[in-house]
């Protein structure tokens, strides 16, 4: 059994919405997501128009995890895995793919909302990967973490003096 990582497509939205309700921590049902304005149709539209880019991990064609970001703000909107697929490096790999996308779009700072409770898996997960608290709490009561992308080395401008 191999894990396939790929860019998300609009047809993945229903599977992602379903998976979100089956996560171990921070699960949201379809009704709870709809109350926040998140539906299969809105998710599909965001993927299709590029404002909600993401990556999915599949096993035998079934989505077992995903990570999506907000193309305009640099926010990691969601990272979710089915419980049986936790602690296998999938979440870190999905997040890394999203970070690389943002790097390619020129972002230098990314952010996300994370459980403030140290007992939550996400609390230690993001910190282990280099995300740091900002001291802010978002509208859902989550702690805001940030990640600074190293700037790429640039060649000296033509005619500049090197010393």
N, C-alpha and C. Protein backbone atom coordinates (compact mmCIF):
# COMPACT_ATOMS: atom_id res chain seq x y z
N UNK A 1 0.85 -1.17 0.00
CA UNK A 1 0.00 0.00 0.00
C UNK A 1 0.90 1.24 0.00
N UNK A 2 0.69 2.11 -0.98
CA UNK A 2 1.51 3.31 -1.04
C UNK A 2 0.62 4.55 -0.90
N UNK A 3 1.23 5.58 -0.34
CA UNK A 3 0.54 6.85 -0.16
C UNK A 3 0.89 7.72 -1.35
N UNK A 4 -0.12 8.26 -2.00
CA UNK A 4 0.06 9.13 -3.15
C UNK A 4 -0.27 10.55 -2.70
N UNK A 5 0.65 11.48 -2.95
CA UNK A 5 0.45 12.89 -2.65
C UNK A 5 0.22 13.59 -3.97
N UNK A 6 -0.80 14.46 -3.99
CA UNK A 6 -1.09 15.18 -5.22
C UNK A 6 -1.80 16.49 -4.90
N UNK A 7 -1.84 17.38 -5.89
CA UNK A 7 -2.60 18.61 -5.75
C UNK A 7 -4.08 18.26 -5.66
N UNK A 8 -4.79 18.99 -4.83
CA UNK A 8 -6.23 18.79 -4.71
C UNK A 8 -6.93 19.29 -5.97
N UNK A 9 -8.04 18.63 -6.29
CA UNK A 9 -8.89 19.03 -7.40
C UNK A 9 -10.31 19.22 -6.85
N UNK A 10 -11.16 19.98 -7.55
CA UNK A 10 -12.51 20.24 -7.03
C UNK A 10 -13.27 18.96 -6.64
N UNK A 11 -13.05 17.87 -7.34
CA UNK A 11 -13.76 16.62 -7.02
C UNK A 11 -13.39 16.06 -5.65
N UNK A 12 -12.29 16.56 -5.03
CA UNK A 12 -11.88 16.10 -3.71
C UNK A 12 -12.69 16.74 -2.58
N UNK A 13 -13.40 17.82 -2.86
CA UNK A 13 -14.05 18.61 -1.80
C UNK A 13 -14.99 17.77 -0.94
N UNK A 14 -15.82 16.94 -1.52
CA UNK A 14 -16.77 16.15 -0.73
C UNK A 14 -16.03 15.19 0.20
N UNK A 15 -14.99 14.54 -0.30
CA UNK A 15 -14.20 13.63 0.55
C UNK A 15 -13.54 14.39 1.69
N UNK A 16 -13.03 15.58 1.40
CA UNK A 16 -12.37 16.38 2.43
C UNK A 16 -13.36 16.81 3.51
N UNK A 17 -14.53 17.23 3.08
CA UNK A 17 -15.57 17.64 4.03
C UNK A 17 -15.95 16.47 4.92
N UNK A 18 -16.13 15.30 4.34
CA UNK A 18 -16.46 14.09 5.11
C UNK A 18 -15.35 13.74 6.08
N UNK A 19 -14.10 13.76 5.60
CA UNK A 19 -12.95 13.42 6.44
C UNK A 19 -12.86 14.36 7.64
N UNK A 20 -13.15 15.64 7.45
CA UNK A 20 -13.03 16.62 8.54
C UNK A 20 -13.92 16.24 9.72
N UNK A 21 -15.03 15.61 9.46
CA UNK A 21 -15.92 15.18 10.55
C UNK A 21 -15.45 13.91 11.24
N UNK A 22 -14.42 13.26 10.70
CA UNK A 22 -13.95 11.98 11.26
C UNK A 22 -12.55 12.08 11.85
N UNK A 23 -12.03 13.29 12.03
CA UNK A 23 -10.71 13.46 12.63
C UNK A 23 -10.78 13.22 14.13
N UNK A 24 -9.65 12.89 14.71
CA UNK A 24 -9.59 12.60 16.15
C UNK A 24 -9.81 13.86 16.98
N UNK A 25 -9.17 14.94 16.60
CA UNK A 25 -9.29 16.20 17.33
C UNK A 25 -9.78 17.28 16.39
N UNK A 26 -10.56 18.21 16.92
CA UNK A 26 -11.02 19.36 16.16
C UNK A 26 -11.89 18.96 14.97
N UNK A 27 -12.70 17.92 15.15
CA UNK A 27 -13.60 17.49 14.09
C UNK A 27 -14.75 18.49 13.93
N UNK A 28 -15.13 18.71 12.70
CA UNK A 28 -16.28 19.55 12.38
C UNK A 28 -17.20 18.76 11.48
N UNK A 29 -18.48 18.68 11.83
CA UNK A 29 -19.45 17.99 10.98
C UNK A 29 -19.77 18.88 9.78
N UNK A 30 -20.43 18.29 8.79
CA UNK A 30 -20.83 19.06 7.61
C UNK A 30 -21.74 20.21 8.02
N UNK A 31 -22.63 19.98 8.98
CA UNK A 31 -23.54 21.04 9.44
C UNK A 31 -22.77 22.16 10.14
N UNK A 32 -21.78 21.80 10.96
CA UNK A 32 -20.97 22.82 11.64
C UNK A 32 -20.15 23.63 10.64
N UNK A 33 -19.61 22.95 9.64
CA UNK A 33 -18.85 23.66 8.61
C UNK A 33 -19.77 24.57 7.79
N UNK A 34 -20.97 24.09 7.47
CA UNK A 34 -21.92 24.90 6.72
C UNK A 34 -22.27 26.18 7.48
N UNK A 35 -22.39 26.08 8.81
CA UNK A 35 -22.67 27.26 9.63
C UNK A 35 -21.54 28.29 9.54
N UNK A 36 -20.33 27.82 9.20
CA UNK A 36 -19.18 28.70 9.01
C UNK A 36 -19.04 29.15 7.55
N UNK A 37 -19.99 28.71 6.70
CA UNK A 37 -19.95 29.07 5.29
C UNK A 37 -19.12 28.13 4.44
N UNK A 38 -18.76 26.97 5.00
CA UNK A 38 -17.93 26.00 4.28
C UNK A 38 -18.81 24.84 3.84
N UNK A 39 -19.00 24.73 2.53
CA UNK A 39 -19.82 23.67 1.95
C UNK A 39 -19.00 22.97 0.87
N UNK A 40 -19.50 21.86 0.38
CA UNK A 40 -18.82 21.19 -0.74
C UNK A 40 -18.68 22.17 -1.90
N UNK A 41 -19.74 22.92 -2.18
CA UNK A 41 -19.72 23.85 -3.31
C UNK A 41 -18.70 24.97 -3.10
N UNK A 42 -18.63 25.53 -1.90
CA UNK A 42 -17.67 26.62 -1.67
C UNK A 42 -16.24 26.10 -1.71
N UNK A 43 -16.04 24.88 -1.20
CA UNK A 43 -14.70 24.28 -1.21
C UNK A 43 -14.28 24.00 -2.66
N UNK A 44 -15.21 23.42 -3.44
CA UNK A 44 -14.92 23.15 -4.86
C UNK A 44 -14.56 24.44 -5.59
N UNK A 45 -15.32 25.50 -5.33
CA UNK A 45 -15.08 26.78 -6.02
C UNK A 45 -13.71 27.34 -5.65
N UNK A 46 -13.32 27.24 -4.38
CA UNK A 46 -12.02 27.74 -3.95
C UNK A 46 -10.87 26.98 -4.58
N UNK A 47 -11.04 25.67 -4.72
CA UNK A 47 -10.01 24.87 -5.39
C UNK A 47 -9.95 25.25 -6.87
N UNK A 48 -11.13 25.35 -7.48
CA UNK A 48 -11.19 25.64 -8.93
C UNK A 48 -10.61 27.00 -9.28
N UNK A 49 -10.87 28.03 -8.45
CA UNK A 49 -10.38 29.36 -8.81
C UNK A 49 -9.00 29.68 -8.22
N UNK A 50 -8.44 28.73 -7.47
CA UNK A 50 -7.09 28.88 -6.96
C UNK A 50 -6.97 29.64 -5.65
N UNK A 51 -8.08 30.11 -5.08
CA UNK A 51 -8.00 30.84 -3.82
C UNK A 51 -7.83 29.90 -2.63
N UNK A 52 -8.16 28.62 -2.79
CA UNK A 52 -8.02 27.62 -1.73
C UNK A 52 -7.23 26.43 -2.26
N UNK A 53 -5.94 26.65 -2.51
CA UNK A 53 -5.12 25.55 -3.02
C UNK A 53 -4.85 24.53 -1.92
N UNK A 54 -4.62 23.30 -2.33
CA UNK A 54 -4.32 22.29 -1.33
C UNK A 54 -3.71 21.05 -1.93
N UNK A 55 -3.38 20.14 -1.02
CA UNK A 55 -2.79 18.85 -1.37
C UNK A 55 -3.54 17.77 -0.61
N UNK A 56 -3.68 16.62 -1.24
CA UNK A 56 -4.30 15.48 -0.59
C UNK A 56 -3.34 14.30 -0.60
N UNK A 57 -3.52 13.44 0.39
CA UNK A 57 -2.82 12.16 0.44
C UNK A 57 -3.87 11.09 0.26
N UNK A 58 -3.61 10.17 -0.67
CA UNK A 58 -4.58 9.10 -0.93
C UNK A 58 -3.91 7.74 -0.79
N UNK A 59 -4.72 6.78 -0.42
CA UNK A 59 -4.30 5.38 -0.37
C UNK A 59 -5.38 4.61 -1.12
N UNK A 60 -4.99 3.89 -2.13
CA UNK A 60 -5.94 3.15 -2.97
C UNK A 60 -7.08 4.04 -3.46
N UNK A 61 -6.73 5.29 -3.79
CA UNK A 61 -7.71 6.23 -4.32
C UNK A 61 -8.56 6.93 -3.28
N UNK A 62 -8.40 6.59 -2.01
CA UNK A 62 -9.22 7.17 -0.93
C UNK A 62 -8.42 8.26 -0.23
N UNK A 63 -9.02 9.45 -0.05
CA UNK A 63 -8.35 10.54 0.65
C UNK A 63 -8.23 10.19 2.13
N UNK A 64 -6.98 10.21 2.63
CA UNK A 64 -6.73 9.91 4.05
C UNK A 64 -6.22 11.14 4.79
N UNK A 65 -5.89 12.20 4.07
CA UNK A 65 -5.44 13.43 4.69
C UNK A 65 -5.35 14.54 3.66
N UNK A 66 -5.33 15.77 4.16
CA UNK A 66 -5.22 16.91 3.26
C UNK A 66 -4.73 18.14 4.01
N UNK A 67 -4.24 19.10 3.24
CA UNK A 67 -3.82 20.39 3.77
C UNK A 67 -4.18 21.46 2.73
N UNK A 68 -4.85 22.52 3.20
CA UNK A 68 -5.26 23.61 2.32
C UNK A 68 -4.81 24.94 2.90
N UNK A 69 -4.57 25.90 2.01
CA UNK A 69 -4.17 27.24 2.43
C UNK A 69 -5.00 28.30 1.75
N UNK A 70 -4.92 29.50 2.28
CA UNK A 70 -5.57 30.66 1.68
C UNK A 70 -4.53 31.39 0.83
N UNK A 71 -4.68 31.31 -0.46
CA UNK A 71 -3.69 31.84 -1.41
C UNK A 71 -3.42 33.32 -1.22
N UNK A 72 -4.42 34.07 -0.75
CA UNK A 72 -4.25 35.52 -0.65
C UNK A 72 -3.60 35.97 0.65
N UNK A 73 -3.79 35.20 1.74
CA UNK A 73 -3.32 35.66 3.05
C UNK A 73 -2.07 34.94 3.57
N UNK A 74 -1.80 33.75 3.07
CA UNK A 74 -0.69 32.96 3.62
C UNK A 74 -1.09 32.13 4.82
N UNK A 75 -2.37 31.94 5.00
CA UNK A 75 -2.85 31.12 6.12
C UNK A 75 -2.95 29.65 5.72
N UNK A 76 -2.46 28.78 6.59
CA UNK A 76 -2.75 27.36 6.45
C UNK A 76 -4.13 27.20 7.07
N UNK A 77 -5.12 26.94 6.23
CA UNK A 77 -6.51 26.93 6.67
C UNK A 77 -6.84 25.65 7.42
N UNK A 78 -6.35 24.52 6.92
CA UNK A 78 -6.70 23.25 7.55
C UNK A 78 -5.69 22.17 7.17
N UNK A 79 -5.38 21.34 8.14
CA UNK A 79 -4.58 20.13 7.95
C UNK A 79 -5.34 19.05 8.70
N UNK A 80 -5.77 18.02 8.01
CA UNK A 80 -6.59 16.99 8.64
C UNK A 80 -6.20 15.60 8.14
N UNK A 81 -6.23 14.64 9.06
CA UNK A 81 -5.94 13.24 8.73
C UNK A 81 -6.95 12.34 9.39
N UNK A 82 -7.23 11.22 8.75
CA UNK A 82 -8.01 10.19 9.41
C UNK A 82 -7.17 9.61 10.55
N UNK A 83 -7.78 9.27 11.68
CA UNK A 83 -7.01 8.78 12.84
C UNK A 83 -6.06 7.63 12.54
N UNK A 84 -6.45 6.69 11.69
CA UNK A 84 -5.58 5.54 11.39
C UNK A 84 -4.31 5.94 10.63
N UNK A 85 -4.26 7.17 10.14
CA UNK A 85 -3.12 7.61 9.33
C UNK A 85 -2.26 8.65 10.04
N UNK A 86 -2.54 8.88 11.32
CA UNK A 86 -1.72 9.80 12.11
C UNK A 86 -0.38 9.15 12.42
N UNK A 87 0.61 9.98 12.76
CA UNK A 87 1.93 9.54 13.21
C UNK A 87 2.67 8.70 12.17
N UNK A 88 2.43 8.99 10.89
CA UNK A 88 3.11 8.29 9.80
C UNK A 88 3.87 9.28 8.91
N UNK A 89 3.93 10.54 9.34
CA UNK A 89 4.63 11.57 8.56
C UNK A 89 3.78 12.21 7.48
N UNK A 90 2.54 11.79 7.35
CA UNK A 90 1.68 12.31 6.28
C UNK A 90 1.36 13.79 6.50
N UNK A 91 1.00 14.14 7.73
CA UNK A 91 0.66 15.53 8.02
C UNK A 91 1.83 16.46 7.76
N UNK A 92 3.01 16.06 8.20
CA UNK A 92 4.20 16.89 7.98
C UNK A 92 4.49 17.04 6.49
N UNK A 93 4.30 15.98 5.75
CA UNK A 93 4.58 16.04 4.30
C UNK A 93 3.55 16.92 3.58
N UNK A 94 2.28 16.79 3.96
CA UNK A 94 1.26 17.65 3.36
C UNK A 94 1.52 19.12 3.67
N UNK A 95 1.84 19.40 4.93
CA UNK A 95 2.13 20.78 5.33
C UNK A 95 3.35 21.31 4.57
N UNK A 96 4.38 20.51 4.44
CA UNK A 96 5.58 20.93 3.71
C UNK A 96 5.25 21.27 2.26
N UNK A 97 4.38 20.50 1.65
CA UNK A 97 3.99 20.79 0.26
C UNK A 97 3.28 22.14 0.17
N UNK A 98 2.41 22.44 1.14
CA UNK A 98 1.71 23.72 1.15
C UNK A 98 2.69 24.86 1.39
N UNK A 99 3.63 24.68 2.32
CA UNK A 99 4.64 25.70 2.60
C UNK A 99 5.45 25.99 1.34
N UNK A 100 5.81 24.95 0.60
CA UNK A 100 6.57 25.16 -0.64
C UNK A 100 5.75 25.92 -1.68
N UNK A 101 4.44 25.65 -1.75
CA UNK A 101 3.59 26.42 -2.65
C UNK A 101 3.65 27.90 -2.29
N UNK A 102 3.47 28.20 -0.99
CA UNK A 102 3.49 29.59 -0.55
C UNK A 102 4.85 30.23 -0.82
N UNK A 103 5.92 29.48 -0.63
CA UNK A 103 7.26 30.00 -0.93
C UNK A 103 7.32 30.40 -2.41
N UNK A 104 6.79 29.56 -3.27
CA UNK A 104 6.79 29.85 -4.70
C UNK A 104 5.96 31.07 -5.07
N UNK A 105 4.98 31.39 -4.25
CA UNK A 105 4.14 32.57 -4.51
C UNK A 105 4.74 33.82 -3.86
N UNK A 106 5.90 33.68 -3.23
CA UNK A 106 6.59 34.84 -2.69
C UNK A 106 6.30 35.18 -1.24
N UNK A 107 5.58 34.33 -0.53
CA UNK A 107 5.29 34.61 0.88
C UNK A 107 6.55 34.43 1.72
N UNK A 108 6.70 35.28 2.72
CA UNK A 108 7.80 35.16 3.67
C UNK A 108 7.31 34.78 5.05
N UNK A 109 6.02 34.97 5.31
CA UNK A 109 5.44 34.64 6.61
C UNK A 109 4.11 33.93 6.38
N UNK A 110 3.93 32.79 7.05
CA UNK A 110 2.68 32.05 7.01
C UNK A 110 2.11 32.01 8.42
N UNK A 111 0.82 31.73 8.53
CA UNK A 111 0.21 31.63 9.85
C UNK A 111 -0.91 30.60 9.83
N UNK A 112 -1.31 30.18 11.03
CA UNK A 112 -2.41 29.23 11.18
C UNK A 112 -2.96 29.34 12.59
N UNK A 113 -4.18 28.82 12.78
CA UNK A 113 -4.79 28.73 14.09
C UNK A 113 -4.59 27.32 14.61
N UNK A 114 -4.21 27.21 15.88
CA UNK A 114 -3.87 25.91 16.47
C UNK A 114 -4.44 25.85 17.89
N UNK A 115 -4.79 24.66 18.32
CA UNK A 115 -5.29 24.48 19.68
C UNK A 115 -4.30 25.04 20.69
N UNK A 116 -4.79 25.82 21.63
CA UNK A 116 -3.93 26.40 22.67
C UNK A 116 -3.63 25.40 23.78
N UNK A 117 -4.36 24.28 23.80
CA UNK A 117 -4.20 23.26 24.83
C UNK A 117 -2.98 22.39 24.53
N UNK A 118 -1.98 22.38 25.42
CA UNK A 118 -0.79 21.56 25.19
C UNK A 118 -1.07 20.06 25.08
N UNK A 119 -2.23 19.62 25.53
CA UNK A 119 -2.58 18.20 25.42
C UNK A 119 -3.03 17.83 24.00
N UNK A 120 -3.37 18.82 23.19
CA UNK A 120 -3.80 18.55 21.81
C UNK A 120 -2.59 18.19 20.96
N UNK A 121 -2.75 17.21 20.08
CA UNK A 121 -1.64 16.77 19.21
C UNK A 121 -1.07 17.91 18.38
N UNK A 122 -1.95 18.77 17.86
CA UNK A 122 -1.49 19.85 16.99
C UNK A 122 -0.59 20.84 17.72
N UNK A 123 -0.81 21.00 19.01
CA UNK A 123 -0.02 21.97 19.79
C UNK A 123 1.48 21.68 19.66
N UNK A 124 1.88 20.46 19.89
CA UNK A 124 3.29 20.10 19.78
C UNK A 124 3.76 19.88 18.35
N UNK A 125 2.85 19.39 17.50
CA UNK A 125 3.18 19.09 16.11
C UNK A 125 3.73 20.32 15.39
N UNK A 126 3.00 21.41 15.41
CA UNK A 126 3.43 22.60 14.69
C UNK A 126 4.70 23.20 15.30
N UNK A 127 4.79 23.21 16.61
CA UNK A 127 5.98 23.75 17.26
C UNK A 127 7.22 22.93 16.89
N UNK A 128 7.06 21.64 16.84
CA UNK A 128 8.17 20.76 16.46
C UNK A 128 8.68 21.09 15.06
N UNK A 129 7.76 21.52 14.20
CA UNK A 129 8.11 21.84 12.81
C UNK A 129 8.55 23.30 12.63
N UNK A 130 8.68 24.04 13.73
CA UNK A 130 9.22 25.39 13.65
C UNK A 130 8.22 26.52 13.68
N UNK A 131 6.95 26.23 13.86
CA UNK A 131 5.93 27.27 13.95
C UNK A 131 5.99 27.86 15.36
N UNK A 132 5.82 29.18 15.48
CA UNK A 132 5.95 29.86 16.76
C UNK A 132 4.71 30.68 17.09
N UNK A 133 4.34 30.74 18.38
CA UNK A 133 3.17 31.52 18.79
C UNK A 133 3.37 33.02 18.55
N UNK A 134 2.28 33.69 18.17
CA UNK A 134 2.32 35.14 17.96
C UNK A 134 1.80 35.88 19.19
N UNK A 135 1.15 35.17 20.11
CA UNK A 135 0.49 35.81 21.25
C UNK A 135 -0.95 36.19 20.94
N UNK A 136 -1.40 35.93 19.73
CA UNK A 136 -2.77 36.25 19.32
C UNK A 136 -3.66 35.02 19.43
N UNK A 137 -4.96 35.29 19.61
CA UNK A 137 -5.99 34.25 19.59
C UNK A 137 -6.96 34.62 18.48
N UNK A 138 -7.32 33.65 17.63
CA UNK A 138 -8.22 33.96 16.51
C UNK A 138 -9.68 33.91 16.95
N UNK A 139 -10.57 34.16 16.02
CA UNK A 139 -12.00 34.21 16.29
C UNK A 139 -12.61 32.89 16.75
N UNK A 140 -11.92 31.78 16.51
CA UNK A 140 -12.42 30.47 16.95
C UNK A 140 -11.80 30.06 18.29
N UNK A 141 -11.00 30.95 18.88
CA UNK A 141 -10.36 30.65 20.16
C UNK A 141 -9.06 29.88 20.04
N UNK A 142 -8.55 29.77 18.83
CA UNK A 142 -7.29 29.07 18.60
C UNK A 142 -6.11 30.04 18.71
N UNK A 143 -4.98 29.50 19.12
CA UNK A 143 -3.75 30.28 19.19
C UNK A 143 -3.21 30.46 17.77
N UNK A 144 -2.75 31.65 17.44
CA UNK A 144 -2.20 31.91 16.12
C UNK A 144 -0.69 31.65 16.17
N UNK A 145 -0.25 30.76 15.27
CA UNK A 145 1.17 30.45 15.13
C UNK A 145 1.65 31.00 13.79
N UNK A 146 2.94 31.30 13.71
CA UNK A 146 3.49 31.79 12.45
C UNK A 146 4.76 31.02 12.10
N UNK A 147 5.06 31.07 10.82
CA UNK A 147 6.26 30.41 10.31
C UNK A 147 6.90 31.38 9.33
N UNK A 148 8.18 31.65 9.53
CA UNK A 148 8.91 32.54 8.62
C UNK A 148 9.73 31.70 7.66
N UNK A 149 9.51 31.95 6.38
CA UNK A 149 10.25 31.24 5.34
C UNK A 149 11.57 31.94 5.12
N UNK A 150 12.65 31.20 5.10
CA UNK A 150 13.94 31.82 4.83
C UNK A 150 13.93 32.46 3.45
N UNK A 151 14.53 33.62 3.34
CA UNK A 151 14.61 34.27 2.04
C UNK A 151 15.65 33.57 1.18
N UNK A 152 15.33 33.45 -0.07
CA UNK A 152 16.27 32.83 -1.01
C UNK A 152 17.44 33.78 -1.23
N UNK A 153 18.62 33.21 -1.42
CA UNK A 153 19.79 34.03 -1.72
C UNK A 153 19.59 34.65 -3.09
N UNK A 154 19.95 35.92 -3.20
CA UNK A 154 19.79 36.59 -4.49
C UNK A 154 21.15 36.98 -5.02
N UNK A 155 21.24 37.01 -6.30
CA UNK A 155 22.48 37.41 -6.95
C UNK A 155 22.63 38.93 -6.80
N UNK A 156 23.86 39.44 -6.72
CA UNK A 156 24.05 40.88 -6.63
C UNK A 156 23.54 41.57 -7.90
N UNK A 157 23.04 42.76 -7.72
CA UNK A 157 22.54 43.52 -8.87
C UNK A 157 23.69 43.83 -9.83
N UNK A 158 23.36 43.91 -11.09
CA UNK A 158 24.38 44.23 -12.10
C UNK A 158 25.04 45.55 -11.76
N UNK A 159 26.35 45.60 -11.85
CA UNK A 159 27.09 46.83 -11.59
C UNK A 159 27.34 47.10 -10.12
N UNK A 160 26.85 46.25 -9.21
CA UNK A 160 27.09 46.50 -7.80
C UNK A 160 28.52 46.11 -7.46
N UNK A 161 29.04 46.77 -6.48
CA UNK A 161 30.42 46.53 -6.06
C UNK A 161 30.42 45.51 -4.93
N UNK A 162 31.18 44.47 -5.10
CA UNK A 162 31.30 43.47 -4.05
C UNK A 162 32.56 43.75 -3.25
N UNK A 163 32.45 43.70 -1.95
CA UNK A 163 33.64 44.02 -1.18
C UNK A 163 33.96 43.08 -0.10
